[in-house]
PDB file of N, CA and C in Angstrom:
ATOM      1  N   MET A   1       1.157  24.286   2.443  1.00  0.00           N
ATOM      2  CA  MET A   1       1.436  24.635   1.077  1.00  0.00           C
ATOM      3  C   MET A   1       2.221  23.524   0.410  1.00  0.00           C
ATOM      4  N   SER A   2       1.882  23.256  -0.805  1.00  0.00           N
ATOM      5  CA  SER A   2       2.626  22.240  -1.524  1.00  0.00           C
ATOM      6  C   SER A   2       3.578  22.909  -2.496  1.00  0.00           C
ATOM      7  N   ASN A   3       4.664  22.256  -2.696  1.00  0.00           N
ATOM      8  CA  ASN A   3       5.679  22.751  -3.609  1.00  0.00           C
ATOM      9  C   ASN A   3       5.181  22.570  -5.040  1.00  0.00           C
ATOM     10  N   SER A   4       5.335  23.558  -5.879  1.00  0.00           N
ATOM     11  CA  SER A   4       4.836  23.458  -7.247  1.00  0.00           C
ATOM     12  C   SER A   4       5.636  22.462  -8.075  1.00  0.00           C
ATOM     13  N   LYS A   5       6.801  22.046  -7.590  1.00  0.00           N
ATOM     14  CA  LYS A   5       7.617  21.081  -8.320  1.00  0.00           C
ATOM     15  C   LYS A   5       7.207  19.645  -8.034  1.00  0.00           C
ATOM     16  N   ASP A   6       6.389  19.415  -6.994  1.00  0.00           N
ATOM     17  CA  ASP A   6       5.958  18.071  -6.650  1.00  0.00           C
ATOM     18  C   ASP A   6       5.030  17.530  -7.721  1.00  0.00           C
ATOM     19  N   PRO A   7       5.222  16.269  -8.128  1.00  0.00           N
ATOM     20  CA  PRO A   7       4.266  15.670  -9.054  1.00  0.00           C
ATOM     21  C   PRO A   7       2.914  15.484  -8.363  1.00  0.00           C
ATOM     22  N   ASP A   8       1.885  15.325  -9.165  1.00  0.00           N
ATOM     23  CA  ASP A   8       0.529  15.205  -8.631  1.00  0.00           C
ATOM     24  C   ASP A   8       0.374  14.030  -7.676  1.00  0.00           C
ATOM     25  N   ASN A   9       0.997  12.886  -7.989  1.00  0.00           N
ATOM     26  CA  ASN A   9       0.815  11.720  -7.126  1.00  0.00           C
ATOM     27  C   ASN A   9       1.444  11.921  -5.750  1.00  0.00           C
ATOM     28  N   VAL A  10       2.526  12.703  -5.642  1.00  0.00           N
ATOM     29  CA  VAL A  10       3.129  12.971  -4.336  1.00  0.00           C
ATOM     30  C   VAL A  10       2.199  13.863  -3.519  1.00  0.00           C
ATOM     31  N   ARG A  11       1.610  14.867  -4.154  1.00  0.00           N
ATOM     32  CA  ARG A  11       0.662  15.723  -3.446  1.00  0.00           C
ATOM     33  C   ARG A  11      -0.561  14.933  -3.012  1.00  0.00           C
ATOM     34  N   ASP A  12      -1.031  14.016  -3.870  1.00  0.00           N
ATOM     35  CA  ASP A  12      -2.176  13.187  -3.500  1.00  0.00           C
ATOM     36  C   ASP A  12      -1.853  12.306  -2.305  1.00  0.00           C
ATOM     37  N   LEU A  13      -0.630  11.767  -2.264  1.00  0.00           N
ATOM     38  CA  LEU A  13      -0.222  10.911  -1.149  1.00  0.00           C
ATOM     39  C   LEU A  13      -0.199  11.695   0.148  1.00  0.00           C
ATOM     40  N   ARG A  14       0.333  12.909   0.107  1.00  0.00           N
ATOM     41  CA  ARG A  14       0.372  13.731   1.316  1.00  0.00           C
ATOM     42  C   ARG A  14      -1.030  14.093   1.779  1.00  0.00           C
ATOM     43  N   ALA A  15      -1.900  14.382   0.850  1.00  0.00           N
ATOM     44  CA  ALA A  15      -3.248  14.823   1.197  1.00  0.00           C
ATOM     45  C   ALA A  15      -4.129  13.667   1.661  1.00  0.00           C
ATOM     46  N   SER A  16      -3.880  12.481   1.147  1.00  0.00           N
ATOM     47  CA  SER A  16      -4.793  11.373   1.418  1.00  0.00           C
ATOM     48  C   SER A  16      -4.489  10.647   2.722  1.00  0.00           C
ATOM     49  N   GLY A  17      -3.274  10.699   3.198  1.00  0.00           N
ATOM     50  CA  GLY A  17      -2.928   9.989   4.422  1.00  0.00           C
ATOM     51  C   GLY A  17      -2.376   8.614   4.117  1.00  0.00           C
ATOM     52  N   TRP A  18      -1.596   8.106   5.048  1.00  0.00           N
ATOM     53  CA  TRP A  18      -0.929   6.831   4.826  1.00  0.00           C
ATOM     54  C   TRP A  18      -1.899   5.654   4.846  1.00  0.00           C
ATOM     55  N   TRP A  19      -3.012   5.761   5.527  1.00  0.00           N
ATOM     56  CA  TRP A  19      -3.948   4.633   5.634  1.00  0.00           C
ATOM     57  C   TRP A  19      -4.608   4.314   4.305  1.00  0.00           C
ATOM     58  N   ARG A  20      -4.580   5.265   3.383  1.00  0.00           N
ATOM     59  CA  ARG A  20      -5.132   4.984   2.054  1.00  0.00           C
ATOM     60  C   ARG A  20      -4.186   4.124   1.232  1.00  0.00           C
ATOM     61  N   GLN A  21      -2.985   3.898   1.734  1.00  0.00           N
ATOM     62  CA  GLN A  21      -2.002   3.067   1.040  1.00  0.00           C
ATOM     63  C   GLN A  21      -1.988   1.643   1.611  1.00  0.00           C
ATOM     64  N   TRP A  22      -3.125   1.183   2.125  1.00  0.00           N
ATOM     65  CA  TRP A  22      -3.166  -0.121   2.757  1.00  0.00           C
ATOM     66  C   TRP A  22      -2.736  -1.273   1.850  1.00  0.00           C
ATOM     67  N   PRO A  23      -2.972  -1.245   0.523  1.00  0.00           N
ATOM     68  CA  PRO A  23      -2.517  -2.396  -0.280  1.00  0.00           C
ATOM     69  C   PRO A  23      -1.003  -2.599  -0.234  1.00  0.00           C
ATOM     70  N   ILE A  24      -0.237  -1.537  -0.399  1.00  0.00           N
ATOM     71  CA  ILE A  24       1.219  -1.694  -0.384  1.00  0.00           C
ATOM     72  C   ILE A  24       1.715  -1.989   1.030  1.00  0.00           C
ATOM     73  N   ILE A  25       1.021  -1.494   2.054  1.00  0.00           N
ATOM     74  CA  ILE A  25       1.412  -1.777   3.440  1.00  0.00           C
ATOM     75  C   ILE A  25       1.241  -3.264   3.731  1.00  0.00           C
ATOM     76  N   VAL A  26       0.143  -3.851   3.274  1.00  0.00           N
ATOM     77  CA  VAL A  26      -0.100  -5.286   3.483  1.00  0.00           C
ATOM     78  C   VAL A  26       0.963  -6.117   2.761  1.00  0.00           C
ATOM     79  N   VAL A  27       1.265  -5.745   1.527  1.00  0.00           N
ATOM     80  CA  VAL A  27       2.266  -6.480   0.753  1.00  0.00           C
ATOM     81  C   VAL A  27       3.642  -6.361   1.413  1.00  0.00           C
ATOM     82  N   LEU A  28       4.024  -5.162   1.831  1.00  0.00           N
ATOM     83  CA  LEU A  28       5.327  -4.978   2.467  1.00  0.00           C
ATOM     84  C   LEU A  28       5.410  -5.670   3.819  1.00  0.00           C
ATOM     85  N   LEU A  29       4.299  -5.771   4.523  1.00  0.00           N
ATOM     86  CA  LEU A  29       4.274  -6.533   5.768  1.00  0.00           C
ATOM     87  C   LEU A  29       4.557  -8.011   5.482  1.00  0.00           C
ATOM     88  N   GLY A  30       3.970  -8.541   4.419  1.00  0.00           N
ATOM     89  CA  GLY A  30       4.255  -9.920   4.014  1.00  0.00           C
ATOM     90  C   GLY A  30       5.716 -10.118   3.644  1.00  0.00           C
ATOM     91  N   VAL A  31       6.294  -9.138   2.949  1.00  0.00           N
ATOM     92  CA  VAL A  31       7.714  -9.220   2.584  1.00  0.00           C
ATOM     93  C   VAL A  31       8.578  -9.191   3.849  1.00  0.00           C
ATOM     94  N   ALA A  32       8.227  -8.347   4.809  1.00  0.00           N
ATOM     95  CA  ALA A  32       8.996  -8.275   6.064  1.00  0.00           C
ATOM     96  C   ALA A  32       8.913  -9.600   6.825  1.00  0.00           C
ATOM     97  N   ILE A  33       7.738 -10.212   6.856  1.00  0.00           N
ATOM     98  CA  ILE A  33       7.587 -11.519   7.510  1.00  0.00           C
ATOM     99  C   ILE A  33       8.424 -12.564   6.788  1.00  0.00           C
ATOM    100  N   ALA A  34       8.410 -12.522   5.456  1.00  0.00           N
ATOM    101  CA  ALA A  34       9.196 -13.482   4.672  1.00  0.00           C
ATOM    102  C   ALA A  34      10.691 -13.330   4.958  1.00  0.00           C
ATOM    103  N   LEU A  35      11.173 -12.102   4.993  1.00  0.00           N
ATOM    104  CA  LEU A  35      12.590 -11.882   5.264  1.00  0.00           C
ATOM    105  C   LEU A  35      12.962 -12.299   6.681  1.00  0.00           C
ATOM    106  N   THR A  36      12.048 -12.105   7.615  1.00  0.00           N
ATOM    107  CA  THR A  36      12.292 -12.548   8.991  1.00  0.00           C
ATOM    108  C   THR A  36      12.392 -14.068   9.044  1.00  0.00           C
ATOM    109  N   LEU A  37      11.498 -14.761   8.348  1.00  0.00           N
ATOM    110  CA  LEU A  37      11.550 -16.225   8.324  1.00  0.00           C
ATOM    111  C   LEU A  37      12.846 -16.723   7.701  1.00  0.00           C
ATOM    112  N   VAL A  38      13.262 -16.098   6.621  1.00  0.00           N
ATOM    113  CA  VAL A  38      14.514 -16.509   5.978  1.00  0.00           C
ATOM    114  C   VAL A  38      15.695 -16.264   6.916  1.00  0.00           C
ATOM    115  N   SER A  39      15.685 -15.135   7.619  1.00  0.00           N
ATOM    116  CA  SER A  39      16.792 -14.839   8.531  1.00  0.00           C
ATOM    117  C   SER A  39      16.809 -15.793   9.728  1.00  0.00           C
ATOM    118  N   LEU A  40      15.675 -16.380  10.063  1.00  0.00           N
ATOM    119  CA  LEU A  40      15.605 -17.356  11.159  1.00  0.00           C
ATOM    120  C   LEU A  40      15.862 -18.781  10.674  1.00  0.00           C
ATOM    121  N   ASP A  41      16.377 -18.898   9.451  1.00  0.00           N
ATOM    122  CA  ASP A  41      16.764 -20.179   8.849  1.00  0.00           C
ATOM    123  C   ASP A  41      15.570 -21.038   8.434  1.00  0.00           C
ATOM    124  N   TYR A  42      14.475 -20.402   8.065  1.00  0.00           N
ATOM    125  CA  TYR A  42      13.326 -21.082   7.473  1.00  0.00           C
ATOM    126  C   TYR A  42      13.214 -20.628   6.022  1.00  0.00           C
ATOM    127  N   PHE A  43      14.191 -21.065   5.220  1.00  0.00           N
ATOM    128  CA  PHE A  43      14.309 -20.560   3.858  1.00  0.00           C
ATOM    129  C   PHE A  43      13.065 -20.853   3.022  1.00  0.00           C
ATOM    130  N   ARG A  44      12.628 -22.085   3.018  1.00  0.00           N
ATOM    131  CA  ARG A  44      11.509 -22.457   2.155  1.00  0.00           C
ATOM    132  C   ARG A  44      10.223 -21.741   2.581  1.00  0.00           C
ATOM    133  N   ARG A  45       9.940 -21.713   3.871  1.00  0.00           N
ATOM    134  CA  ARG A  45       8.734 -21.022   4.348  1.00  0.00           C
ATOM    135  C   ARG A  45       8.788 -19.535   3.999  1.00  0.00           C
ATOM    136  N   GLY A  46       9.946 -18.916   4.224  1.00  0.00           N
ATOM    137  CA  GLY A  46      10.098 -17.508   3.901  1.00  0.00           C
ATOM    138  C   GLY A  46       9.948 -17.244   2.423  1.00  0.00           C
ATOM    139  N   SER A  47      10.486 -18.131   1.595  1.00  0.00           N
ATOM    140  CA  SER A  47      10.372 -17.964   0.148  1.00  0.00           C
ATOM    141  C   SER A  47       8.927 -18.109  -0.321  1.00  0.00           C
ATOM    142  N   VAL A  48       8.207 -19.030   0.291  1.00  0.00           N
ATOM    143  CA  VAL A  48       6.793 -19.205  -0.078  1.00  0.00           C
ATOM    144  C   VAL A  48       5.979 -17.986   0.357  1.00  0.00           C
ATOM    145  N   VAL A  49       6.264 -17.452   1.535  1.00  0.00           N
ATOM    146  CA  VAL A  49       5.564 -16.248   1.996  1.00  0.00           C
ATOM    147  C   VAL A  49       5.888 -15.066   1.078  1.00  0.00           C
ATOM    148  N   LEU A  50       7.137 -14.957   0.645  1.00  0.00           N
ATOM    149  CA  LEU A  50       7.523 -13.892  -0.286  1.00  0.00           C
ATOM    150  C   LEU A  50       6.783 -14.030  -1.611  1.00  0.00           C
ATOM    151  N   ALA A  51       6.735 -15.239  -2.134  1.00  0.00           N
ATOM    152  CA  ALA A  51       5.999 -15.474  -3.379  1.00  0.00           C
ATOM    153  C   ALA A  51       4.514 -15.151  -3.195  1.00  0.00           C
ATOM    154  N   GLY A  52       3.959 -15.539  -2.056  1.00  0.00           N
ATOM    155  CA  GLY A  52       2.556 -15.230  -1.772  1.00  0.00           C
ATOM    156  C   GLY A  52       2.309 -13.736  -1.674  1.00  0.00           C
ATOM    157  N   SER A  53       3.255 -13.006  -1.126  1.00  0.00           N
ATOM    158  CA  SER A  53       3.115 -11.545  -1.022  1.00  0.00           C
ATOM    159  C   SER A  53       3.116 -10.895  -2.397  1.00  0.00           C
ATOM    160  N   VAL A  54       3.986 -11.364  -3.271  1.00  0.00           N
ATOM    161  CA  VAL A  54       4.035 -10.805  -4.627  1.00  0.00           C
ATOM    162  C   VAL A  54       2.765 -11.174  -5.394  1.00  0.00           C
ATOM    163  N   LEU A  55       2.291 -12.395  -5.226  1.00  0.00           N
ATOM    164  CA  LEU A  55       1.036 -12.792  -5.882  1.00  0.00           C
ATOM    165  C   LEU A  55      -0.155 -12.028  -5.300  1.00  0.00           C
ATOM    166  N   LEU A  56      -0.117 -11.718  -4.015  1.00  0.00           N
ATOM    167  CA  LEU A  56      -1.155 -10.890  -3.404  1.00  0.00           C
ATOM    168  C   LEU A  56      -1.145  -9.495  -4.028  1.00  0.00           C
ATOM    169  N   ALA A  57       0.050  -8.964  -4.261  1.00  0.00           N
ATOM    170  CA  ALA A  57       0.162  -7.655  -4.912  1.00  0.00           C
ATOM    171  C   ALA A  57      -0.462  -7.701  -6.307  1.00  0.00           C
ATOM    172  N   ALA A  58      -0.216  -8.775  -7.044  1.00  0.00           N
ATOM    173  CA  ALA A  58      -0.808  -8.916  -8.378  1.00  0.00           C
ATOM    174  C   ALA A  58      -2.330  -8.992  -8.281  1.00  0.00           C
ATOM    175  N   PHE A  59      -2.817  -9.755  -7.311  1.00  0.00           N
ATOM    176  CA  PHE A  59      -4.260  -9.913  -7.124  1.00  0.00           C
ATOM    177  C   PHE A  59      -4.922  -8.585  -6.745  1.00  0.00           C
ATOM    178  N   LEU A  60      -4.298  -7.857  -5.816  1.00  0.00           N
ATOM    179  CA  LEU A  60      -4.841  -6.555  -5.414  1.00  0.00           C
ATOM    180  C   LEU A  60      -4.819  -5.565  -6.573  1.00  0.00           C
ATOM    181  N   ARG A  61      -3.733  -5.599  -7.352  1.00  0.00           N
ATOM    182  CA  ARG A  61      -3.630  -4.685  -8.495  1.00  0.00           C
ATOM    183  C   ARG A  61      -4.695  -5.007  -9.537  1.00  0.00           C
ATOM    184  N   LEU A  62      -5.026  -6.289  -9.667  1.00  0.00           N
ATOM    185  CA  LEU A  62      -6.051  -6.704 -10.626  1.00  0.00           C
ATOM    186  C   LEU A  62      -7.438  -6.251 -10.182  1.00  0.00           C
ATOM    187  N   LEU A  63      -7.728  -6.363  -8.892  1.00  0.00           N
ATOM    188  CA  LEU A  63      -9.082  -6.110  -8.405  1.00  0.00           C
ATOM    189  C   LEU A  63      -9.373  -4.652  -8.058  1.00  0.00           C
ATOM    190  N   LEU A  64      -8.394  -3.946  -7.509  1.00  0.00           N
ATOM    191  CA  LEU A  64      -8.651  -2.589  -7.033  1.00  0.00           C
ATOM    192  C   LEU A  64      -8.582  -1.572  -8.162  1.00  0.00           C
ATOM    193  N   PRO A  65      -9.423  -0.560  -8.113  1.00  0.00           N
ATOM    194  CA  PRO A  65      -9.302   0.533  -9.086  1.00  0.00           C
ATOM    195  C   PRO A  65      -7.985   1.278  -8.874  1.00  0.00           C
ATOM    196  N   ASP A  66      -7.524   1.966  -9.906  1.00  0.00           N
ATOM    197  CA  ASP A  66      -6.224   2.657  -9.830  1.00  0.00           C
ATOM    198  C   ASP A  66      -6.146   3.596  -8.633  1.00  0.00           C
ATOM    199  N   ARG A  67      -7.208   4.306  -8.355  1.00  0.00           N
ATOM    200  CA  ARG A  67      -7.194   5.279  -7.256  1.00  0.00           C
ATOM    201  C   ARG A  67      -7.029   4.607  -5.891  1.00  0.00           C
ATOM    202  N   GLU A  68      -7.598   3.408  -5.733  1.00  0.00           N
ATOM    203  CA  GLU A  68      -7.508   2.695  -4.453  1.00  0.00           C
ATOM    204  C   GLU A  68      -6.272   1.816  -4.348  1.00  0.00           C
ATOM    205  N   ALA A  69      -5.652   1.465  -5.463  1.00  0.00           N
ATOM    206  CA  ALA A  69      -4.465   0.605  -5.439  1.00  0.00           C
ATOM    207  C   ALA A  69      -3.243   1.353  -4.943  1.00  0.00           C
ATOM    208  N   GLY A  70      -3.284   2.668  -4.980  1.00  0.00           N
ATOM    209  CA  GLY A  70      -2.207   3.485  -4.417  1.00  0.00           C
ATOM    210  C   GLY A  70      -0.861   3.241  -5.062  1.00  0.00           C
ATOM    211  N   LEU A  71       0.124   2.946  -4.229  1.00  0.00           N
ATOM    212  CA  LEU A  71       1.493   2.788  -4.706  1.00  0.00           C
ATOM    213  C   LEU A  71       1.743   1.468  -5.424  1.00  0.00           C
ATOM    214  N   LEU A  72       0.749   0.587  -5.511  1.00  0.00           N
ATOM    215  CA  LEU A  72       0.890  -0.612  -6.339  1.00  0.00           C
ATOM    216  C   LEU A  72       0.823  -0.265  -7.823  1.00  0.00           C
ATOM    217  N   VAL A  73       0.304   0.891  -8.141  1.00  0.00           N
ATOM    218  CA  VAL A  73       0.179   1.308  -9.537  1.00  0.00           C
ATOM    219  C   VAL A  73       1.538   1.804 -10.013  1.00  0.00           C
ATOM    220  N   VAL A  74       2.097   1.119 -10.993  1.00  0.00           N
ATOM    221  CA  VAL A  74       3.367   1.532 -11.571  1.00  0.00           C
ATOM    222  C   VAL A  74       3.175   1.874 -13.036  1.00  0.00           C
ATOM    223  N   ARG A  75       2.583   0.965 -13.767  1.00  0.00           N
ATOM    224  CA  ARG A  75       2.317   1.174 -15.185  1.00  0.00           C
ATOM    225  C   ARG A  75       0.835   0.886 -15.414  1.00  0.00           C
ATOM    226  N   SER A  76       0.503   0.376 -16.560  1.00  0.00           N
ATOM    227  CA  SER A  76      -0.894   0.025 -16.810  1.00  0.00           C
ATOM    228  C   SER A  76      -1.248  -1.207 -15.974  1.00  0.00           C
ATOM    229  N   ARG A  77      -2.529  -1.409 -15.763  1.00  0.00           N
ATOM    230  CA  ARG A  77      -2.989  -2.548 -14.952  1.00  0.00           C
ATOM    231  C   ARG A  77      -2.485  -3.864 -15.545  1.00  0.00           C
ATOM    232  N   ARG A  78      -2.585  -4.001 -16.853  1.00  0.00           N
ATOM    233  CA  ARG A  78      -2.184  -5.247 -17.511  1.00  0.00           C
ATOM    234  C   ARG A  78      -0.699  -5.535 -17.275  1.00  0.00           C
ATOM    235  N   VAL A  79       0.146  -4.546 -17.470  1.00  0.00           N
ATOM    236  CA  VAL A  79       1.593  -4.740 -17.284  1.00  0.00           C
ATOM    237  C   VAL A  79       1.901  -5.069 -15.826  1.00  0.00           C
ATOM    238  N   ASP A  80       1.311  -4.337 -14.897  1.00  0.00           N
ATOM    239  CA  ASP A  80       1.553  -4.594 -13.476  1.00  0.00           C
ATOM    240  C   ASP A  80       1.160  -6.009 -13.082  1.00  0.00           C
ATOM    241  N   VAL A  81      -0.015  -6.445 -13.505  1.00  0.00           N
ATOM    242  CA  VAL A  81      -0.508  -7.777 -13.123  1.00  0.00           C
ATOM    243  C   VAL A  81       0.355  -8.865 -13.758  1.00  0.00           C
ATOM    244  N   ILE A  82       0.735  -8.690 -15.015  1.00  0.00           N
ATOM    245  CA  ILE A  82       1.564  -9.699 -15.683  1.00  0.00           C
ATOM    246  C   ILE A  82       2.931  -9.797 -15.014  1.00  0.00           C
ATOM    247  N   VAL A  83       3.569  -8.660 -14.771  1.00  0.00           N
ATOM    248  CA  VAL A  83       4.912  -8.680 -14.171  1.00  0.00           C
ATOM    249  C   VAL A  83       4.862  -9.271 -12.761  1.00  0.00           C
ATOM    250  N   LEU A  84       3.926  -8.818 -11.946  1.00  0.00           N
ATOM    251  CA  LEU A  84       3.831  -9.342 -10.579  1.00  0.00           C
ATOM    252  C   LEU A  84       3.437 -10.820 -10.572  1.00  0.00           C
ATOM    253  N   GLY A  85       2.538 -11.209 -11.460  1.00  0.00           N
ATOM    254  CA  GLY A  85       2.120 -12.608 -11.534  1.00  0.00           C
ATOM    255  C   GLY A  85       3.246 -13.536 -11.946  1.00  0.00           C
ATOM    256  N   VAL A  86       4.009 -13.133 -12.956  1.00  0.00           N
ATOM    257  CA  VAL A  86       5.141 -13.953 -13.403  1.00  0.00           C
ATOM    258  C   VAL A  86       6.209 -14.013 -12.318  1.00  0.00           C
ATOM    259  N   LEU A  87       6.536 -12.877 -11.715  1.00  0.00           N
ATOM    260  CA  LEU A  87       7.547 -12.850 -10.659  1.00  0.00           C
ATOM    261  C   LEU A  87       7.118 -13.711  -9.463  1.00  0.00           C
ATOM    262  N   GLY A  88       5.874 -13.574  -9.030  1.00  0.00           N
ATOM    263  CA  GLY A  88       5.384 -14.378  -7.903  1.00  0.00           C
ATOM    264  C   GLY A  88       5.372 -15.858  -8.211  1.00  0.00           C
ATOM    265  N   SER A  89       4.965 -16.216  -9.426  1.00  0.00           N
ATOM    266  CA  SER A  89       4.942 -17.628  -9.823  1.00  0.00           C
ATOM    267  C   SER A  89       6.351 -18.207  -9.874  1.00  0.00           C
ATOM    268  N   LEU A  90       7.289 -17.457 -10.452  1.00  0.00           N
ATOM    269  CA  LEU A  90       8.675 -17.935 -10.502  1.00  0.00           C
ATOM    270  C   LEU A  90       9.282 -18.071  -9.106  1.00  0.00           C
ATOM    271  N   LEU A  91       8.976 -17.129  -8.215  1.00  0.00           N
ATOM    272  CA  LEU A  91       9.463 -17.247  -6.841  1.00  0.00           C
ATOM    273  C   LEU A  91       8.912 -18.501  -6.171  1.00  0.00           C
ATOM    274  N   ALA A  92       7.634 -18.800  -6.407  1.00  0.00           N
ATOM    275  CA  ALA A  92       7.037 -20.003  -5.814  1.00  0.00           C
ATOM    276  C   ALA A  92       7.676 -21.264  -6.387  1.00  0.00           C
ATOM    277  N   ILE A  93       7.902 -21.286  -7.694  1.00  0.00           N
ATOM    278  CA  ILE A  93       8.542 -22.457  -8.317  1.00  0.00           C
ATOM    279  C   ILE A  93       9.940 -22.654  -7.760  1.00  0.00           C
ATOM    280  N   PHE A  94      10.719 -21.578  -7.682  1.00  0.00           N
ATOM    281  CA  PHE A  94      12.077 -21.695  -7.162  1.00  0.00           C
ATOM    282  C   PHE A  94      12.088 -22.065  -5.678  1.00  0.00           C
ATOM    283  N   ALA A  95      11.101 -21.605  -4.919  1.00  0.00           N
ATOM    284  CA  ALA A  95      11.039 -21.935  -3.493  1.00  0.00           C
ATOM    285  C   ALA A  95      10.882 -23.437  -3.294  1.00  0.00           C
ATOM    286  N   PHE A  96      10.103 -24.085  -4.150  1.00  0.00           N
ATOM    287  CA  PHE A  96       9.915 -25.535  -4.017  1.00  0.00           C
ATOM    288  C   PHE A  96      10.966 -26.328  -4.765  1.00  0.00           C
ATOM    289  N   TRP A  97      11.683 -25.687  -5.689  1.00  0.00           N
ATOM    290  CA  TRP A  97      12.686 -26.356  -6.479  1.00  0.00           C
ATOM    291  C   TRP A  97      13.982 -26.587  -5.691  1.00  0.00           C
ATOM    292  N   VAL A  98      14.325 -25.638  -4.846  1.00  0.00           N
ATOM    293  CA  VAL A  98      15.567 -25.741  -4.071  1.00  0.00           C
ATOM    294  C   VAL A  98      15.430 -26.924  -3.113  1.00  0.00           C
ATOM    295  N   PRO A  99      16.406 -27.829  -3.154  1.00  0.00           N
ATOM    296  CA  PRO A  99      16.317 -28.999  -2.266  1.00  0.00           C
ATOM    297  C   PRO A  99      16.483 -28.603  -0.803  1.00  0.00           C
ATOM    298  N   PRO A 100      15.791 -29.289   0.102  1.00  0.00           N
ATOM    299  CA  PRO A 100      15.935 -28.984   1.524  1.00  0.00           C
ATOM    300  C   PRO A 100      17.334 -29.353   2.012  1.00  0.00           C
ATOM    301  N   PRO A 101      17.800 -28.674   3.063  1.00  0.00           N
ATOM    302  CA  PRO A 101      19.134 -29.001   3.587  1.00  0.00           C
ATOM    303  C   PRO A 101      19.161 -30.392   4.196  1.00  0.00           C
ATOM    304  N   ARG A 102      20.356 -30.971   4.188  1.00  0.00           N
ATOM    305  CA  ARG A 102      20.483 -32.331   4.739  1.00  0.00           C
ATOM    306  C   ARG A 102      20.902 -32.302   6.163  1.00  0.00           C
TER     307      ARG A 102
END
C-alpha cells in the first residue's frame, strides 16, 4: 500500500525499481570516482572526472525522454541541460586553470 501523502514521483520510484534509475547511478558513480581520486591526491584528474560526470548528466538529460531520465529530471529539459552544461564546463575550466603543485 502506498501512502496517500506520497507525491506521484515517489510512488513511481518505488514501483519501478532502482535499476530504472541507471542515469543518476552512472553519474553518481562518476562523482564517487572523482572524489576518490581527489582524496588520493590526484586533484586535477579527479576534477576532470567530476566535470565529465556533470557533462554526462547534461548529455543524458538532453537525449533521454523525461520518463527514462529518472532522477536527472529536476525542471524543464532546457533548464536542466543549460545548468548542468554550464556547471560542467566551468568545472572543467577551473580544473585546468589551477596550477599543478610544485
